[in-house]
Amino acid sequence: MANTGTFEVYRDSADEWRWRLVASNGNIIADSGEGYSSKQGAKRGIDSVKRNAPDADVDVLPVD
């Protein structure tokens, strides 16, 4: 079975809720990019990522 990441929900220094996805090796591989006013809002953000990105396409953009 493959190792999976873990979503962490936490409060930042501005007292906003955020999430981050941590790989099994401890590296942060994704984060919310914005603060939420409630823990539930951060959890909804996680649910949105899980629901909308499992088969997302990858676009490689040209270098300017």
N, C-alpha and C. Protein backbone atom coordinates (compact mmCIF):
# COMPACT_ATOMS: atom_id res chain seq x y z
N MET A 1 0.84 -1.18 0.00
CA MET A 1 0.00 0.00 0.00
C MET A 1 0.89 1.25 0.00
N ALA A 2 0.53 2.23 -0.81
CA ALA A 2 1.31 3.46 -0.92
C ALA A 2 1.09 4.35 0.29
N ASN A 3 2.14 5.07 0.66
CA ASN A 3 2.00 6.06 1.73
C ASN A 3 1.16 7.22 1.20
N THR A 4 0.32 7.76 2.05
CA THR A 4 -0.51 8.88 1.65
C THR A 4 -0.18 10.10 2.49
N GLY A 5 -0.57 11.23 2.00
CA GLY A 5 -0.37 12.47 2.74
C GLY A 5 -1.44 12.63 3.81
N THR A 6 -1.24 13.65 4.63
CA THR A 6 -2.18 13.98 5.69
C THR A 6 -2.52 15.45 5.61
N PHE A 7 -3.81 15.77 5.64
CA PHE A 7 -4.24 17.15 5.73
C PHE A 7 -4.17 17.59 7.18
N GLU A 8 -3.54 18.74 7.43
CA GLU A 8 -3.49 19.33 8.76
C GLU A 8 -4.28 20.64 8.73
N VAL A 9 -5.09 20.86 9.75
CA VAL A 9 -5.84 22.11 9.90
C VAL A 9 -5.26 22.81 11.12
N TYR A 10 -4.96 24.10 10.99
CA TYR A 10 -4.30 24.83 12.07
C TYR A 10 -4.65 26.31 12.03
N ARG A 11 -4.38 27.01 13.12
CA ARG A 11 -4.54 28.46 13.19
C ARG A 11 -3.20 29.12 12.92
N ASP A 12 -3.23 30.17 12.10
CA ASP A 12 -2.00 30.89 11.79
C ASP A 12 -1.79 32.06 12.75
N SER A 13 -0.74 32.83 12.53
CA SER A 13 -0.40 33.94 13.42
C SER A 13 -1.42 35.07 13.37
N ALA A 14 -2.25 35.13 12.32
CA ALA A 14 -3.31 36.13 12.20
C ALA A 14 -4.63 35.60 12.77
N ASP A 15 -4.58 34.44 13.43
CA ASP A 15 -5.75 33.80 14.04
C ASP A 15 -6.78 33.36 13.00
N GLU A 16 -6.30 33.02 11.81
CA GLU A 16 -7.17 32.46 10.77
C GLU A 16 -6.87 30.97 10.65
N TRP A 17 -7.86 30.24 10.18
CA TRP A 17 -7.71 28.80 9.97
C TRP A 17 -7.13 28.53 8.59
N ARG A 18 -6.22 27.58 8.51
CA ARG A 18 -5.61 27.17 7.24
C ARG A 18 -5.48 25.65 7.22
N TRP A 19 -5.22 25.14 6.02
CA TRP A 19 -4.91 23.71 5.90
C TRP A 19 -3.63 23.56 5.10
N ARG A 20 -2.97 22.43 5.32
CA ARG A 20 -1.80 22.06 4.51
C ARG A 20 -1.82 20.55 4.33
N LEU A 21 -1.30 20.11 3.21
CA LEU A 21 -1.18 18.69 2.91
C LEU A 21 0.28 18.31 3.10
N VAL A 22 0.52 17.39 4.01
CA VAL A 22 1.88 16.99 4.37
C VAL A 22 2.13 15.57 3.86
N ALA A 23 3.21 15.40 3.09
CA ALA A 23 3.59 14.08 2.58
C ALA A 23 4.09 13.20 3.71
N SER A 24 4.17 11.92 3.46
CA SER A 24 4.62 10.98 4.49
C SER A 24 6.04 11.26 4.96
N ASN A 25 6.84 11.98 4.14
CA ASN A 25 8.21 12.32 4.56
C ASN A 25 8.27 13.65 5.32
N GLY A 26 7.11 14.26 5.58
CA GLY A 26 7.05 15.49 6.34
C GLY A 26 7.06 16.77 5.53
N ASN A 27 7.27 16.66 4.22
CA ASN A 27 7.28 17.85 3.36
C ASN A 27 5.85 18.35 3.13
N ILE A 28 5.68 19.67 3.16
CA ILE A 28 4.39 20.27 2.81
C ILE A 28 4.31 20.31 1.30
N ILE A 29 3.29 19.68 0.74
CA ILE A 29 3.17 19.60 -0.71
C ILE A 29 2.03 20.44 -1.26
N ALA A 30 1.18 20.97 -0.39
CA ALA A 30 0.11 21.88 -0.80
C ALA A 30 -0.39 22.61 0.44
N ASP A 31 -0.94 23.81 0.20
CA ASP A 31 -1.56 24.52 1.32
C ASP A 31 -2.75 25.33 0.82
N SER A 32 -3.51 25.84 1.76
CA SER A 32 -4.75 26.54 1.42
C SER A 32 -4.51 27.83 0.66
N GLY A 33 -3.39 28.49 0.86
CA GLY A 33 -3.11 29.72 0.17
C GLY A 33 -3.93 30.90 0.66
N GLU A 34 -4.87 30.65 1.56
CA GLU A 34 -5.68 31.71 2.14
C GLU A 34 -6.13 31.28 3.52
N GLY A 35 -6.45 32.26 4.35
CA GLY A 35 -6.96 31.96 5.67
C GLY A 35 -8.48 31.91 5.66
N TYR A 36 -9.04 31.14 6.55
CA TYR A 36 -10.49 31.00 6.70
C TYR A 36 -10.88 31.51 8.08
N SER A 37 -12.08 32.05 8.18
CA SER A 37 -12.54 32.58 9.46
C SER A 37 -12.96 31.49 10.44
N SER A 38 -13.21 30.28 9.92
CA SER A 38 -13.62 29.19 10.80
C SER A 38 -12.89 27.90 10.43
N LYS A 39 -12.81 27.01 11.41
CA LYS A 39 -12.21 25.70 11.15
C LYS A 39 -13.04 24.95 10.11
N GLN A 40 -14.36 25.09 10.19
CA GLN A 40 -15.24 24.42 9.24
C GLN A 40 -14.96 24.91 7.82
N GLY A 41 -14.68 26.20 7.65
CA GLY A 41 -14.34 26.72 6.33
C GLY A 41 -13.09 26.07 5.77
N ALA A 42 -12.08 25.89 6.62
CA ALA A 42 -10.85 25.22 6.19
C ALA A 42 -11.14 23.78 5.80
N LYS A 43 -11.99 23.11 6.57
CA LYS A 43 -12.34 21.72 6.24
C LYS A 43 -13.11 21.65 4.93
N ARG A 44 -13.96 22.63 4.66
CA ARG A 44 -14.67 22.66 3.37
C ARG A 44 -13.67 22.85 2.23
N GLY A 45 -12.62 23.65 2.46
CA GLY A 45 -11.58 23.81 1.44
C GLY A 45 -10.90 22.49 1.13
N ILE A 46 -10.60 21.70 2.17
CA ILE A 46 -10.00 20.38 1.97
C ILE A 46 -10.95 19.49 1.18
N ASP A 47 -12.22 19.49 1.56
CA ASP A 47 -13.21 18.67 0.84
C ASP A 47 -13.30 19.06 -0.62
N SER A 48 -13.20 20.37 -0.90
CA SER A 48 -13.24 20.84 -2.28
C SER A 48 -12.06 20.32 -3.09
N VAL A 49 -10.87 20.36 -2.50
CA VAL A 49 -9.68 19.84 -3.19
C VAL A 49 -9.85 18.35 -3.46
N LYS A 50 -10.28 17.60 -2.46
CA LYS A 50 -10.46 16.16 -2.63
C LYS A 50 -11.48 15.84 -3.71
N ARG A 51 -12.55 16.62 -3.76
CA ARG A 51 -13.63 16.36 -4.70
C ARG A 51 -13.27 16.80 -6.12
N ASN A 52 -12.58 17.91 -6.26
CA ASN A 52 -12.36 18.50 -7.58
C ASN A 52 -11.04 18.16 -8.25
N ALA A 53 -10.08 17.60 -7.53
CA ALA A 53 -8.76 17.42 -8.12
C ALA A 53 -8.24 16.00 -8.23
N PRO A 54 -9.01 14.97 -7.93
CA PRO A 54 -8.40 13.63 -7.97
C PRO A 54 -7.89 13.23 -9.36
N ASP A 55 -8.53 13.73 -10.40
CA ASP A 55 -8.10 13.41 -11.77
C ASP A 55 -7.77 14.66 -12.56
N ALA A 56 -7.32 15.70 -11.88
CA ALA A 56 -7.05 16.98 -12.54
C ALA A 56 -5.95 16.83 -13.59
N ASP A 57 -6.12 17.56 -14.69
CA ASP A 57 -5.10 17.59 -15.73
C ASP A 57 -3.89 18.38 -15.22
N VAL A 58 -2.75 18.15 -15.83
CA VAL A 58 -1.53 18.89 -15.52
C VAL A 58 -1.15 19.65 -16.79
N ASP A 59 -1.11 20.97 -16.70
CA ASP A 59 -0.67 21.80 -17.81
C ASP A 59 0.74 22.30 -17.51
N VAL A 60 1.66 22.04 -18.41
CA VAL A 60 3.02 22.55 -18.28
C VAL A 60 3.10 23.81 -19.11
N LEU A 61 3.33 24.93 -18.44
CA LEU A 61 3.33 26.21 -19.12
C LEU A 61 4.71 26.53 -19.68
N PRO A 62 4.76 27.23 -20.81
CA PRO A 62 6.05 27.58 -21.40
C PRO A 62 6.77 28.61 -20.53
N VAL A 63 8.08 28.58 -20.60
CA VAL A 63 8.90 29.55 -19.90
C VAL A 63 8.94 30.81 -20.73
N ASP A 64 8.75 31.94 -20.08
CA ASP A 64 8.80 33.23 -20.81
C ASP A 64 10.19 33.58 -21.24
